[in-house]
Amino acid sequence: MTHFLKLRGLPYSATETDILTFLSGLPIWTESGILITLNDDGRPSGEALVKLDTEINLNDLTEYNGKYMGTRFIEVFPATQKDWFGEEMRMKMSDMTYVRLRGLPYDVTKEDIFIFFNRLMISRDGVGLLVGPDDVPTGEAFVQFMTREDANLALQRHNQCIRSRYIEIYKSSLTEVYRAMEKQYEINREEILRRSRHRPANFPPKFTPDPYSLNSYYTDGYSFPQNKSSQGPMRRSREPKSRSNPYGGKNAVKVESQNIGEFLGPLSIHMRGLPYSATDKDVQDFFSPIRVAEVKIQIGPDGKATGEAEADFFTEEDAMKAMEKDRCKMSWRYIELFRGTSAIGI
């Protein structure tokens, strides 16, 4: 039985509609359940992943495996949820539109960076400020732009100033981002374990999120950055720590949580469709017996719950298991779950 499929040998011009037609008869989760994968240069790889609405028997695949799409012989075989999420994350960062900033003021904000790159299009979720293990800013950041052209134009602002600091700007790479994510994952895990040893069992430790699901903001280049997502502030008890010298301490990577938004990391799940009266305990009970590290219920500008939340987990395995609750009920409401990204969906 499987919930996911992989197709190989697709024409490079194949679209989601072509795949829906090819797999006609299977319970595909609409076009959003089709992920056409790209190479690192941004071109179609000839492969795709498909998410099914219901589990199917592997024998049902024999009808499709070996069929032709145009003149191309298509292989169809089972895939896993891990394949889907891994490829989804890789594709979000496959386009080489990243730059790395160094020498930032210790109190720099994402607004400062948006203003610094005015007239350039920063992608949604496109700014990540790095801090060390003790929440000490490193004076560095990653920025992702909408196009390679804008990323190249950003490099021309090398040694321009934010306030009194000259900012160094370097082209980044997919490899560099992956390495930072891996380092972040280890820091998050160690911090969760450390905090869990110093808190009562019924008081979950706070989770320091991942930098590269970056924040849901963009700029049109002419105005102050506006929040274009449906996400409001989070109802969350964690208070930011005071900052100190950004260049002291170890150079491990974490991202600071700022008031203008929150990050979603590899151990996070976004929830949509919650009853407006849902509490942290309701969310914990929803995922039981899986332990939830932290619940962040979103609050809109009017001070009311939006029906959305983030749940952080202690391990990758727990987060994967929690995704099996997708479309289960909380009270009378079906709850949608989204892994490692906001529900606005990049």
C-alpha atoms as a PDB file:
ATOM      1  CA  MET A   1       0.000   0.000   0.000  1.00  0.00           C
ATOM      2  CA  THR A   2       1.239   3.500  -0.732  1.00  0.00           C
ATOM      3  CA  HIS A   3       0.146   7.143  -0.516  1.00  0.00           C
ATOM      4  CA  PHE A   4       2.908   8.444  -2.816  1.00  0.00           C
ATOM      5  CA  LEU A   5       4.151   7.622  -6.332  1.00  0.00           C
ATOM      6  CA  LYS A   6       7.227   8.493  -8.343  1.00  0.00           C
ATOM      7  CA  LEU A   7       7.179   8.874 -12.127  1.00  0.00           C
ATOM      8  CA  ARG A   8      10.377   8.668 -14.171  1.00  0.00           C
ATOM      9  CA  GLY A   9      10.990   9.287 -17.868  1.00  0.00           C
ATOM     10  CA  LEU A  10       8.538  12.157 -18.312  1.00  0.00           C
ATOM     11  CA  PRO A  11       8.825  14.493 -21.307  1.00  0.00           C
ATOM     12  CA  TYR A  12      10.565  17.668 -20.159  1.00  0.00           C
ATOM     13  CA  SER A  13       7.501  19.593 -21.301  1.00  0.00           C
ATOM     14  CA  ALA A  14       5.107  17.526 -19.145  1.00  0.00           C
ATOM     15  CA  THR A  15       2.649  19.517 -17.022  1.00  0.00           C
ATOM     16  CA  GLU A  16       0.513  18.678 -13.987  1.00  0.00           C
ATOM     17  CA  THR A  17      -2.455  18.315 -16.317  1.00  0.00           C
ATOM     18  CA  ASP A  18      -0.534  15.790 -18.451  1.00  0.00           C
ATOM     19  CA  ILE A  19       0.228  13.735 -15.343  1.00  0.00           C
ATOM     20  CA  LEU A  20      -3.384  13.912 -14.112  1.00  0.00           C
ATOM     21  CA  THR A  21      -4.511  12.591 -17.513  1.00  0.00           C
ATOM     22  CA  PHE A  22      -1.818   9.880 -17.532  1.00  0.00           C
ATOM     23  CA  LEU A  23      -2.818   8.654 -14.055  1.00  0.00           C
ATOM     24  CA  SER A  24      -6.547   9.001 -14.699  1.00  0.00           C
ATOM     25  CA  GLY A  25      -8.420   6.698 -12.342  1.00  0.00           C
ATOM     26  CA  LEU A  26      -6.075   7.146  -9.377  1.00  0.00           C
ATOM     27  CA  PRO A  27      -7.151   9.274  -6.392  1.00  0.00           C
ATOM     28  CA  ILE A  28      -4.673  12.121  -6.883  1.00  0.00           C
ATOM     29  CA  TRP A  29      -4.928  14.986  -4.402  1.00  0.00           C
ATOM     30  CA  THR A  30      -5.747  17.525  -7.187  1.00  0.00           C
ATOM     31  CA  GLU A  31      -2.947  19.362  -8.993  1.00  0.00           C
ATOM     32  CA  SER A  32      -1.346  20.399  -5.689  1.00  0.00           C
ATOM     33  CA  GLY A  33      -0.617  16.700  -5.225  1.00  0.00           C
ATOM     34  CA  ILE A  34       1.785  16.679  -8.174  1.00  0.00           C
ATOM     35  CA  LEU A  35       5.390  17.801  -7.743  1.00  0.00           C
ATOM     36  CA  ILE A  36       7.372  18.009 -10.996  1.00  0.00           C
ATOM     37  CA  THR A  37      10.983  17.980  -9.870  1.00  0.00           C
ATOM     38  CA  LEU A  38      13.733  20.228 -11.218  1.00  0.00           C
ATOM     39  CA  ASN A  39      17.480  19.864 -11.607  1.00  0.00           C
ATOM     40  CA  ASP A  40      19.832  22.197  -9.742  1.00  0.00           C
ATOM     41  CA  ASP A  41      19.884  24.451 -12.820  1.00  0.00           C
ATOM     42  CA  GLY A  42      16.109  24.892 -12.552  1.00  0.00           C
ATOM     43  CA  ARG A  43      15.158  22.690 -15.521  1.00  0.00           C
ATOM     44  CA  PRO A  44      12.694  19.756 -15.424  1.00  0.00           C
ATOM     45  CA  SER A  45      14.358  16.508 -14.391  1.00  0.00           C
ATOM     46  CA  GLY A  46      11.919  14.197 -16.193  1.00  0.00           C
ATOM     47  CA  GLU A  47      10.624  12.968 -12.844  1.00  0.00           C
ATOM     48  CA  ALA A  48       7.654  13.789 -10.635  1.00  0.00           C
ATOM     49  CA  LEU A  49       6.189  12.820  -7.283  1.00  0.00           C
ATOM     50  CA  VAL A  50       2.458  12.307  -6.839  1.00  0.00           C
ATOM     51  CA  LYS A  51       0.482  12.513  -3.595  1.00  0.00           C
ATOM     52  CA  LEU A  52      -2.639  10.367  -3.410  1.00  0.00           C
ATOM     53  CA  ASP A  53      -5.794  11.221  -1.499  1.00  0.00           C
ATOM     54  CA  THR A  54      -6.180   7.644  -0.307  1.00  0.00           C
ATOM     55  CA  GLU A  55      -3.843   4.691   0.003  1.00  0.00           C
ATOM     56  CA  ILE A  56      -3.791   2.282  -2.950  1.00  0.00           C
ATOM     57  CA  ASN A  57      -2.614  -1.283  -3.450  1.00  0.00           C
ATOM     58  CA  LEU A  58       0.688  -1.681  -5.296  1.00  0.00           C
ATOM     59  CA  ASN A  59      -1.022  -4.009  -7.770  1.00  0.00           C
ATOM     60  CA  ASP A  60      -2.990  -0.992  -9.003  1.00  0.00           C
ATOM     61  CA  LEU A  61       0.241   0.477 -10.404  1.00  0.00           C
ATOM     62  CA  THR A  62       0.775  -2.263 -12.992  1.00  0.00           C
ATOM     63  CA  GLU A  63      -1.750  -0.592 -15.291  1.00  0.00           C
ATOM     64  CA  TYR A  64       0.367   2.579 -15.403  1.00  0.00           C
ATOM     65  CA  ASN A  65       3.948   1.361 -15.135  1.00  0.00           C
ATOM     66  CA  GLY A  66       5.394   1.095 -18.638  1.00  0.00           C
ATOM     67  CA  LYS A  67       2.695   3.177 -20.329  1.00  0.00           C
ATOM     68  CA  TYR A  68       3.702   5.850 -22.799  1.00  0.00           C
ATOM     69  CA  MET A  69       3.230   9.581 -22.492  1.00  0.00           C
ATOM     70  CA  GLY A  70       3.667  10.726 -26.061  1.00  0.00           C
ATOM     71  CA  THR A  71       6.792   8.895 -27.170  1.00  0.00           C
ATOM     72  CA  ARG A  72       8.198   8.493 -23.662  1.00  0.00           C
ATOM     73  CA  PHE A  73       8.132   5.222 -21.696  1.00  0.00           C
ATOM     74  CA  ILE A  74       7.086   6.096 -18.122  1.00  0.00           C
ATOM     75  CA  GLU A  75       8.127   4.193 -15.018  1.00  0.00           C
ATOM     76  CA  VAL A  76       5.721   4.367 -12.065  1.00  0.00           C
ATOM     77  CA  PHE A  77       6.691   3.042  -8.658  1.00  0.00           C
ATOM     78  CA  PRO A  78       5.951   3.662  -4.953  1.00  0.00           C
ATOM     79  CA  ALA A  79       7.512   6.592  -3.112  1.00  0.00           C
ATOM     80  CA  THR A  80       7.418   7.724   0.503  1.00  0.00           C
ATOM     81  CA  GLN A  81       6.309  10.770   2.432  1.00  0.00           C
ATOM     82  CA  LYS A  82       9.981  11.418   3.171  1.00  0.00           C
ATOM     83  CA  ASP A  83      10.701  11.505  -0.589  1.00  0.00           C
ATOM     84  CA  TRP A  84       7.957  14.090  -1.050  1.00  0.00           C
ATOM     85  CA  PHE A  85       9.062  16.405   1.754  1.00  0.00           C
ATOM     86  CA  GLY A  86      12.744  16.070   0.874  1.00  0.00           C
ATOM     87  CA  GLU A  87      12.159  16.978  -2.769  1.00  0.00           C
ATOM     88  CA  GLU A  88       9.783  19.789  -1.831  1.00  0.00           C
ATOM     89  CA  MET A  89      12.434  21.328   0.416  1.00  0.00           C
ATOM     90  CA  ARG A  90      15.200  20.834  -2.163  1.00  0.00           C
ATOM     91  CA  MET A  91      13.185  22.510  -4.899  1.00  0.00           C
ATOM     92  CA  LYS A  92      12.434  25.519  -2.735  1.00  0.00           C
ATOM     93  CA  MET A  93      16.139  26.207  -2.626  1.00  0.00           C
ATOM     94  CA  SER A  94      17.340  24.824  -5.949  1.00  0.00           C
ATOM     95  CA  ASP A  95      17.297  28.114  -7.823  1.00  0.00           C
ATOM     96  CA  MET A  96      20.600  29.883  -7.273  1.00  0.00           C
ATOM     97  CA  THR A  97      19.139  33.134  -6.046  1.00  0.00           C
ATOM     98  CA  TYR A  98      20.822  33.307  -2.633  1.00  0.00           C
ATOM     99  CA  VAL A  99      23.328  35.788  -1.284  1.00  0.00           C
ATOM    100  CA  ARG A 100      25.044  35.815   2.073  1.00  0.00           C
ATOM    101  CA  LEU A 101      25.528  39.031   4.063  1.00  0.00           C
ATOM    102  CA  ARG A 102      28.294  39.662   6.581  1.00  0.00           C
ATOM    103  CA  GLY A 103      29.070  42.570   8.888  1.00  0.00           C
ATOM    104  CA  LEU A 104      25.464  43.391   9.749  1.00  0.00           C
ATOM    105  CA  PRO A 105      24.761  45.582  12.805  1.00  0.00           C
ATOM    106  CA  TYR A 106      24.015  43.393  15.816  1.00  0.00           C
ATOM    107  CA  ASP A 107      20.525  44.849  16.097  1.00  0.00           C
ATOM    108  CA  VAL A 108      19.655  44.594  12.398  1.00  0.00           C
ATOM    109  CA  THR A 109      16.093  43.593  11.518  1.00  0.00           C
ATOM    110  CA  LYS A 110      14.581  42.055   8.432  1.00  0.00           C
ATOM    111  CA  GLU A 111      12.989  45.425   7.674  1.00  0.00           C
ATOM    112  CA  ASP A 112      16.484  46.910   7.477  1.00  0.00           C
ATOM    113  CA  ILE A 113      17.479  44.296   4.913  1.00  0.00           C
ATOM    114  CA  PHE A 114      14.359  44.842   2.818  1.00  0.00           C
ATOM    115  CA  ILE A 115      15.072  48.571   2.761  1.00  0.00           C
ATOM    116  CA  PHE A 116      18.757  47.980   1.966  1.00  0.00           C
ATOM    117  CA  PHE A 117      17.730  45.953  -1.108  1.00  0.00           C
ATOM    118  CA  ASN A 118      14.966  48.345  -2.196  1.00  0.00           C
ATOM    119  CA  ARG A 119      13.890  47.944  -5.848  1.00  0.00           C
ATOM    120  CA  LEU A 120      15.012  44.293  -5.779  1.00  0.00           C
ATOM    121  CA  MET A 121      12.433  41.527  -5.403  1.00  0.00           C
ATOM    122  CA  ILE A 122      13.078  39.404  -2.323  1.00  0.00           C
ATOM    123  CA  SER A 123      11.186  36.142  -2.433  1.00  0.00           C
ATOM    124  CA  ARG A 124       8.491  35.211   0.029  1.00  0.00           C
ATOM    125  CA  ASP A 125      10.180  33.657   3.082  1.00  0.00           C
ATOM    126  CA  GLY A 126      13.390  35.195   1.776  1.00  0.00           C
ATOM    127  CA  VAL A 127      15.380  36.603   4.736  1.00  0.00           C
ATOM    128  CA  GLY A 128      17.058  34.586   7.488  1.00  0.00           C
ATOM    129  CA  LEU A 129      19.133  36.235  10.231  1.00  0.00           C
ATOM    130  CA  LEU A 130      21.696  33.946  11.839  1.00  0.00           C
ATOM    131  CA  VAL A 131      22.485  33.754  15.536  1.00  0.00           C
ATOM    132  CA  GLY A 132      24.717  31.511  17.608  1.00  0.00           C
ATOM    133  CA  PRO A 133      23.825  28.857  20.193  1.00  0.00           C
ATOM    134  CA  ASP A 134      23.140  31.419  22.912  1.00  0.00           C
ATOM    135  CA  ASP A 135      20.958  33.610  20.675  1.00  0.00           C
ATOM    136  CA  VAL A 136      23.965  35.857  20.014  1.00  0.00           C
ATOM    137  CA  PRO A 137      23.702  37.404  16.524  1.00  0.00           C
ATOM    138  CA  THR A 138      26.528  36.473  14.157  1.00  0.00           C
ATOM    139  CA  GLY A 139      26.125  39.568  11.987  1.00  0.00           C
ATOM    140  CA  GLU A 140      25.288  37.314   9.024  1.00  0.00           C
ATOM    141  CA  ALA A 141      22.177  36.534   7.010  1.00  0.00           C
ATOM    142  CA  PHE A 142      20.967  34.675   3.928  1.00  0.00           C
ATOM    143  CA  VAL A 143      18.687  36.425   1.445  1.00  0.00           C
ATOM    144  CA  GLN A 144      16.828  34.779  -1.425  1.00  0.00           C
ATOM    145  CA  PHE A 145      15.666  36.848  -4.399  1.00  0.00           C
ATOM    146  CA  MET A 146      12.880  36.188  -6.861  1.00  0.00           C
ATOM    147  CA  THR A 147      15.269  36.008  -9.824  1.00  0.00           C
ATOM    148  CA  ARG A 148      18.940  35.389 -10.515  1.00  0.00           C
ATOM    149  CA  GLU A 149      19.104  38.827 -12.075  1.00  0.00           C
ATOM    150  CA  ASP A 150      18.082  40.465  -8.797  1.00  0.00           C
ATOM    151  CA  ALA A 151      20.546  38.279  -6.882  1.00  0.00           C
ATOM    152  CA  ASN A 152      23.315  39.486  -9.190  1.00  0.00           C
ATOM    153  CA  LEU A 153      22.214  43.106  -8.771  1.00  0.00           C
ATOM    154  CA  ALA A 154      22.324  42.586  -5.001  1.00  0.00           C
ATOM    155  CA  LEU A 155      26.017  41.731  -5.263  1.00  0.00           C
ATOM    156  CA  GLN A 156      26.627  45.241  -6.621  1.00  0.00           C
ATOM    157  CA  ARG A 157      25.661  46.627  -3.208  1.00  0.00           C
ATOM    158  CA  HIS A 158      28.765  45.041  -1.675  1.00  0.00           C
ATOM    159  CA  ASN A 159      30.366  47.429   0.863  1.00  0.00           C
ATOM    160  CA  GLN A 160      27.358  49.739   0.965  1.00  0.00           C
ATOM    161  CA  CYS A 161      26.156  50.642   4.445  1.00  0.00           C
ATOM    162  CA  ILE A 162      23.371  49.715   6.790  1.00  0.00           C
ATOM    163  CA  ARG A 163      23.621  52.538   9.298  1.00  0.00           C
ATOM    164  CA  SER A 164      27.362  52.838  10.031  1.00  0.00           C
ATOM    165  CA  ARG A 165      28.335  49.307   8.995  1.00  0.00           C
ATOM    166  CA  TYR A 166      29.808  48.326   5.630  1.00  0.00           C
ATOM    167  CA  ILE A 167      27.990  45.200   4.471  1.00  0.00           C
ATOM    168  CA  GLU A 168      29.821  42.425   2.659  1.00  0.00           C
ATOM    169  CA  ILE A 169      27.698  40.540   0.125  1.00  0.00           C
ATOM    170  CA  TYR A 170      28.676  37.202  -1.403  1.00  0.00           C
ATOM    171  CA  LYS A 171      26.901  34.844  -3.767  1.00  0.00           C
ATOM    172  CA  SER A 172      25.681  31.802  -1.891  1.00  0.00           C
ATOM    173  CA  SER A 173      24.973  28.293  -3.106  1.00  0.00           C
ATOM    174  CA  LEU A 174      22.586  25.419  -2.529  1.00  0.00           C
ATOM    175  CA  THR A 175      25.407  23.497  -0.858  1.00  0.00           C
ATOM    176  CA  GLU A 176      26.056  26.336   1.594  1.00  0.00           C
ATOM    177  CA  VAL A 177      22.373  26.555   2.493  1.00  0.00           C
ATOM    178  CA  TYR A 178      22.148  22.796   3.037  1.00  0.00           C
ATOM    179  CA  ARG A 179      25.178  22.859   5.325  1.00  0.00           C
ATOM    180  CA  ALA A 180      23.631  25.642   7.382  1.00  0.00           C
ATOM    181  CA  MET A 181      20.377  23.665   7.621  1.00  0.00           C
ATOM    182  CA  GLU A 182      22.206  20.562   8.796  1.00  0.00           C
ATOM    183  CA  LYS A 183      24.045  22.559  11.441  1.00  0.00           C
ATOM    184  CA  GLN A 184      20.765  24.182  12.467  1.00  0.00           C
ATOM    185  CA  TYR A 185      19.070  20.804  12.836  1.00  0.00           C
ATOM    186  CA  GLU A 186      21.810  19.589  15.199  1.00  0.00           C
ATOM    187  CA  ILE A 187      21.636  22.757  17.290  1.00  0.00           C
ATOM    188  CA  ASN A 188      17.847  22.528  17.529  1.00  0.00           C
ATOM    189  CA  ARG A 189      18.002  18.909  18.643  1.00  0.00           C
ATOM    190  CA  GLU A 190      20.682  19.590  21.248  1.00  0.00           C
ATOM    191  CA  GLU A 191      18.797  22.586  22.603  1.00  0.00           C
ATOM    192  CA  ILE A 192      15.545  20.647  22.873  1.00  0.00           C
ATOM    193  CA  LEU A 193      17.320  17.865  24.781  1.00  0.00           C
ATOM    194  CA  ARG A 194      19.117  20.357  27.022  1.00  0.00           C
ATOM    195  CA  ARG A 195      15.952  22.242  27.889  1.00  0.00           C
ATOM    196  CA  SER A 196      13.933  19.088  28.433  1.00  0.00           C
ATOM    197  CA  ARG A 197      16.389  18.067  31.162  1.00  0.00           C
ATOM    198  CA  HIS A 198      15.677  21.291  33.059  1.00  0.00           C
ATOM    199  CA  ARG A 199      11.880  21.439  32.782  1.00  0.00           C
ATOM    200  CA  PRO A 200       9.070  19.396  34.303  1.00  0.00           C
ATOM    201  CA  ALA A 201       7.739  16.649  32.042  1.00  0.00           C
ATOM    202  CA  ASN A 202       4.443  18.524  31.567  1.00  0.00           C
ATOM    203  CA  PHE A 203       6.205  21.758  30.532  1.00  0.00           C
ATOM    204  CA  PRO A 204       7.486  21.219  26.983  1.00  0.00           C
ATOM    205  CA  PRO A 205      10.799  22.873  26.074  1.00  0.00           C
ATOM    206  CA  LYS A 206      10.826  25.721  23.634  1.00  0.00           C
ATOM    207  CA  PHE A 207      11.949  24.973  20.115  1.00  0.00           C
ATOM    208  CA  THR A 208      14.418  27.155  18.231  1.00  0.00           C
ATOM    209  CA  PRO A 209      13.221  27.063  14.627  1.00  0.00           C
ATOM    210  CA  ASP A 210      15.062  26.545  11.366  1.00  0.00           C
ATOM    211  CA  PRO A 211      16.354  29.480   9.309  1.00  0.00           C
ATOM    212  CA  TYR A 212      15.591  28.328   5.842  1.00  0.00           C
ATOM    213  CA  SER A 213      11.869  28.088   5.855  1.00  0.00           C
ATOM    214  CA  LEU A 214      12.376  31.847   6.153  1.00  0.00           C
ATOM    215  CA  ASN A 215       9.715  34.431   6.848  1.00  0.00           C
ATOM    216  CA  SER A 216       6.536  35.115   4.887  1.00  0.00           C
ATOM    217  CA  TYR A 217       7.285  38.638   3.692  1.00  0.00           C
ATOM    218  CA  TYR A 218       8.186  40.268   0.436  1.00  0.00           C
ATOM    219  CA  THR A 219       8.785  43.773  -0.862  1.00  0.00           C
ATOM    220  CA  ASP A 220       7.726  45.375  -4.088  1.00  0.00           C
ATOM    221  CA  GLY A 221      10.933  47.376  -3.977  1.00  0.00           C
ATOM    222  CA  TYR A 222       9.185  50.694  -3.426  1.00  0.00           C
ATOM    223  CA  SER A 223       7.475  50.419  -0.097  1.00  0.00           C
ATOM    224  CA  PHE A 224       8.050  49.114   3.392  1.00  0.00           C
ATOM    225  CA  PRO A 225       7.702  45.297   3.467  1.00  0.00           C
ATOM    226  CA  GLN A 226       4.160  44.178   3.969  1.00  0.00           C
ATOM    227  CA  ASN A 227       2.956  40.871   5.366  1.00  0.00           C
ATOM    228  CA  LYS A 228       1.163  39.205   2.451  1.00  0.00           C
ATOM    229  CA  SER A 229       0.449  35.896   4.129  1.00  0.00           C
ATOM    230  CA  SER A 230      -2.599  34.951   6.106  1.00  0.00           C
ATOM    231  CA  GLN A 231      -0.448  34.425   9.153  1.00  0.00           C
ATOM    232  CA  GLY A 232      -0.849  36.758  12.090  1.00  0.00           C
ATOM    233  CA  PRO A 233       1.208  36.914  15.268  1.00  0.00           C
ATOM    234  CA  MET A 234       1.668  33.750  17.275  1.00  0.00           C
ATOM    235  CA  ARG A 235       0.291  33.238  20.766  1.00  0.00           C
ATOM    236  CA  ARG A 236       3.571  32.145  22.258  1.00  0.00           C
ATOM    237  CA  SER A 237       5.201  32.503  25.651  1.00  0.00           C
ATOM    238  CA  ARG A 238       8.832  32.641  24.569  1.00  0.00           C
ATOM    239  CA  GLU A 239      10.395  36.077  25.043  1.00  0.00           C
ATOM    240  CA  PRO A 240      13.408  37.033  22.903  1.00  0.00           C
ATOM    241  CA  LYS A 241      16.686  37.163  24.764  1.00  0.00           C
ATOM    242  CA  SER A 242      18.633  40.384  24.972  1.00  0.00           C
ATOM    243  CA  ARG A 243      21.386  40.657  22.390  1.00  0.00           C
ATOM    244  CA  SER A 244      25.076  41.157  22.900  1.00  0.00           C
ATOM    245  CA  ASN A 245      28.194  41.342  20.722  1.00  0.00           C
ATOM    246  CA  PRO A 246      27.250  39.732  17.378  1.00  0.00           C
ATOM    247  CA  TYR A 247      30.748  38.551  16.666  1.00  0.00           C
ATOM    248  CA  GLY A 248      31.416  36.703  19.900  1.00  0.00           C
ATOM    249  CA  GLY A 249      30.845  33.035  20.640  1.00  0.00           C
ATOM    250  CA  LYS A 250      30.736  30.043  18.344  1.00  0.00           C
ATOM    251  CA  ASN A 251      29.696  30.443  14.729  1.00  0.00           C
ATOM    252  CA  ALA A 252      26.991  27.794  14.790  1.00  0.00           C
ATOM    253  CA  VAL A 253      23.799  28.748  13.014  1.00  0.00           C
ATOM    254  CA  LYS A 254      20.397  29.461  14.475  1.00  0.00           C
ATOM    255  CA  VAL A 255      17.848  32.029  13.465  1.00  0.00           C
ATOM    256  CA  GLU A 256      16.539  34.648  15.785  1.00  0.00           C
ATOM    257  CA  SER A 257      12.762  34.815  16.218  1.00  0.00           C
ATOM    258  CA  GLN A 258      11.631  38.369  15.583  1.00  0.00           C
ATOM    259  CA  ASN A 259       8.364  40.085  16.373  1.00  0.00           C
ATOM    260  CA  ILE A 260       7.530  40.484  12.682  1.00  0.00           C
ATOM    261  CA  GLY A 261       7.031  36.750  12.254  1.00  0.00           C
ATOM    262  CA  GLU A 262       8.055  33.211  13.066  1.00  0.00           C
ATOM    263  CA  PHE A 263      10.034  30.547  11.275  1.00  0.00           C
ATOM    264  CA  LEU A 264       8.904  27.027  10.515  1.00  0.00           C
ATOM    265  CA  GLY A 265      11.605  24.425  10.729  1.00  0.00           C
ATOM    266  CA  PRO A 266      12.147  20.789   9.791  1.00  0.00           C
ATOM    267  CA  LEU A 267      10.391  19.649  12.996  1.00  0.00           C
ATOM    268  CA  SER A 268       7.373  21.937  12.538  1.00  0.00           C
ATOM    269  CA  ILE A 269       3.875  21.273  11.224  1.00  0.00           C
ATOM    270  CA  HIS A 270       1.454  24.001  10.182  1.00  0.00           C
ATOM    271  CA  MET A 271      -2.177  23.327  11.127  1.00  0.00           C
ATOM    272  CA  ARG A 272      -5.202  24.841   9.391  1.00  0.00           C
ATOM    273  CA  GLY A 273      -8.924  24.539  10.151  1.00  0.00           C
ATOM    274  CA  LEU A 274      -8.725  24.574  13.962  1.00  0.00           C
ATOM    275  CA  PRO A 275     -11.822  25.481  15.971  1.00  0.00           C
ATOM    276  CA  TYR A 276     -11.414  29.128  17.009  1.00  0.00           C
ATOM    277  CA  SER A 277     -11.674  28.036  20.624  1.00  0.00           C
ATOM    278  CA  ALA A 278      -8.812  25.508  20.308  1.00  0.00           C
ATOM    279  CA  THR A 279      -6.191  25.606  23.064  1.00  0.00           C
ATOM    280  CA  ASP A 280      -2.624  24.372  23.318  1.00  0.00           C
ATOM    281  CA  LYS A 281      -3.922  21.303  25.142  1.00  0.00           C
ATOM    282  CA  ASP A 282      -6.385  20.577  22.319  1.00  0.00           C
ATOM    283  CA  VAL A 283      -3.475  20.509  19.878  1.00  0.00           C
ATOM    284  CA  GLN A 284      -1.419  18.271  22.156  1.00  0.00           C
ATOM    285  CA  ASP A 285      -4.387  15.906  22.542  1.00  0.00           C
ATOM    286  CA  PHE A 286      -4.901  15.914  18.749  1.00  0.00           C
ATOM    287  CA  PHE A 287      -1.363  14.549  18.205  1.00  0.00           C
ATOM    288  CA  SER A 288      -1.386  12.212  21.230  1.00  0.00           C
ATOM    289  CA  PRO A 289       0.442   9.924  21.951  1.00  0.00           C
ATOM    290  CA  ILE A 290       3.144  11.881  20.052  1.00  0.00           C
ATOM    291  CA  ARG A 291       4.681  14.509  22.342  1.00  0.00           C
ATOM    292  CA  VAL A 292       4.517  18.087  21.089  1.00  0.00           C
ATOM    293  CA  ALA A 293       7.495  20.301  21.983  1.00  0.00           C
ATOM    294  CA  GLU A 294       5.628  23.585  21.541  1.00  0.00           C
ATOM    295  CA  VAL A 295       2.306  24.886  20.241  1.00  0.00           C
ATOM    296  CA  LYS A 296       1.985  28.350  18.689  1.00  0.00           C
ATOM    297  CA  ILE A 297      -1.627  29.351  17.986  1.00  0.00           C
ATOM    298  CA  GLN A 298      -1.923  32.199  15.500  1.00  0.00           C
ATOM    299  CA  ILE A 299      -3.719  35.371  16.522  1.00  0.00           C
ATOM    300  CA  GLY A 300      -5.016  37.824  13.924  1.00  0.00           C
ATOM    301  CA  PRO A 301      -4.741  41.632  13.997  1.00  0.00           C
ATOM    302  CA  ASP A 302      -8.134  41.749  15.717  1.00  0.00           C
ATOM    303  CA  GLY A 303      -6.778  39.702  18.619  1.00  0.00           C
ATOM    304  CA  LYS A 304      -8.825  36.634  17.703  1.00  0.00           C
ATOM    305  CA  ALA A 305      -7.582  33.161  16.775  1.00  0.00           C
ATOM    306  CA  THR A 306      -7.218  32.601  13.005  1.00  0.00           C
ATOM    307  CA  GLY A 307      -7.873  28.852  13.087  1.00  0.00           C
ATOM    308  CA  GLU A 308      -4.206  28.135  12.319  1.00  0.00           C
ATOM    309  CA  ALA A 309      -1.248  27.054  14.450  1.00  0.00           C
ATOM    310  CA  GLU A 310       2.253  25.634  14.371  1.00  0.00           C
ATOM    311  CA  ALA A 311       3.244  22.538  16.314  1.00  0.00           C
ATOM    312  CA  ASP A 312       6.934  21.777  16.941  1.00  0.00           C
ATOM    313  CA  PHE A 313       8.162  18.237  17.588  1.00  0.00           C
ATOM    314  CA  PHE A 314      11.192  16.744  19.282  1.00  0.00           C
ATOM    315  CA  THR A 315      12.381  14.519  16.429  1.00  0.00           C
ATOM    316  CA  GLU A 316      12.038  14.121  12.671  1.00  0.00           C
ATOM    317  CA  GLU A 317      10.383  10.747  13.297  1.00  0.00           C
ATOM    318  CA  ASP A 318       7.742  12.337  15.545  1.00  0.00           C
ATOM    319  CA  ALA A 319       6.999  15.012  12.938  1.00  0.00           C
ATOM    320  CA  MET A 320       6.640  12.393  10.191  1.00  0.00           C
ATOM    321  CA  LYS A 321       4.322  10.318  12.374  1.00  0.00           C
ATOM    322  CA  ALA A 322       2.278  13.396  13.276  1.00  0.00           C
ATOM    323  CA  MET A 323       1.590  14.063   9.579  1.00  0.00           C
ATOM    324  CA  GLU A 324      -0.517  10.883   9.554  1.00  0.00           C
ATOM    325  CA  LYS A 325      -3.116  12.946  11.431  1.00  0.00           C
ATOM    326  CA  ASP A 326      -3.719  15.041   8.307  1.00  0.00           C
ATOM    327  CA  ARG A 327      -7.494  15.487   7.771  1.00  0.00           C
ATOM    328  CA  CYS A 328      -8.356  13.935  11.121  1.00  0.00           C
ATOM    329  CA  LYS A 329     -10.972  15.715  13.214  1.00  0.00           C
ATOM    330  CA  MET A 330     -10.621  18.041  16.182  1.00  0.00           C
ATOM    331  CA  SER A 331     -14.110  18.295  17.580  1.00  0.00           C
ATOM    332  CA  TRP A 332     -16.182  18.620  14.379  1.00  0.00           C
ATOM    333  CA  ARG A 333     -13.459  20.207  12.246  1.00  0.00           C
ATOM    334  CA  TYR A 334     -11.203  18.443   9.733  1.00  0.00           C
ATOM    335  CA  ILE A 335      -7.631  19.599  10.322  1.00  0.00           C
ATOM    336  CA  GLU A 336      -5.236  20.118   7.416  1.00  0.00           C
ATOM    337  CA  LEU A 337      -1.531  19.647   8.090  1.00  0.00           C
ATOM    338  CA  PHE A 338       1.367  21.109   6.130  1.00  0.00           C
ATOM    339  CA  ARG A 339       4.947  20.084   6.749  1.00  0.00           C
ATOM    340  CA  GLY A 340       7.835  22.566   7.117  1.00  0.00           C
ATOM    341  CA  THR A 341       6.105  25.496   5.387  1.00  0.00           C
ATOM    342  CA  SER A 342       3.263  27.873   5.950  1.00  0.00           C
ATOM    343  CA  ALA A 343      -0.176  27.153   4.614  1.00  0.00           C
ATOM    344  CA  ILE A 344       0.112  29.928   2.061  1.00  0.00           C
ATOM    345  CA  GLY A 345       2.238  27.400   0.220  1.00  0.00           C
ATOM    346  CA  ILE A 346       5.324  28.379  -1.686  1.00  0.00           C
END
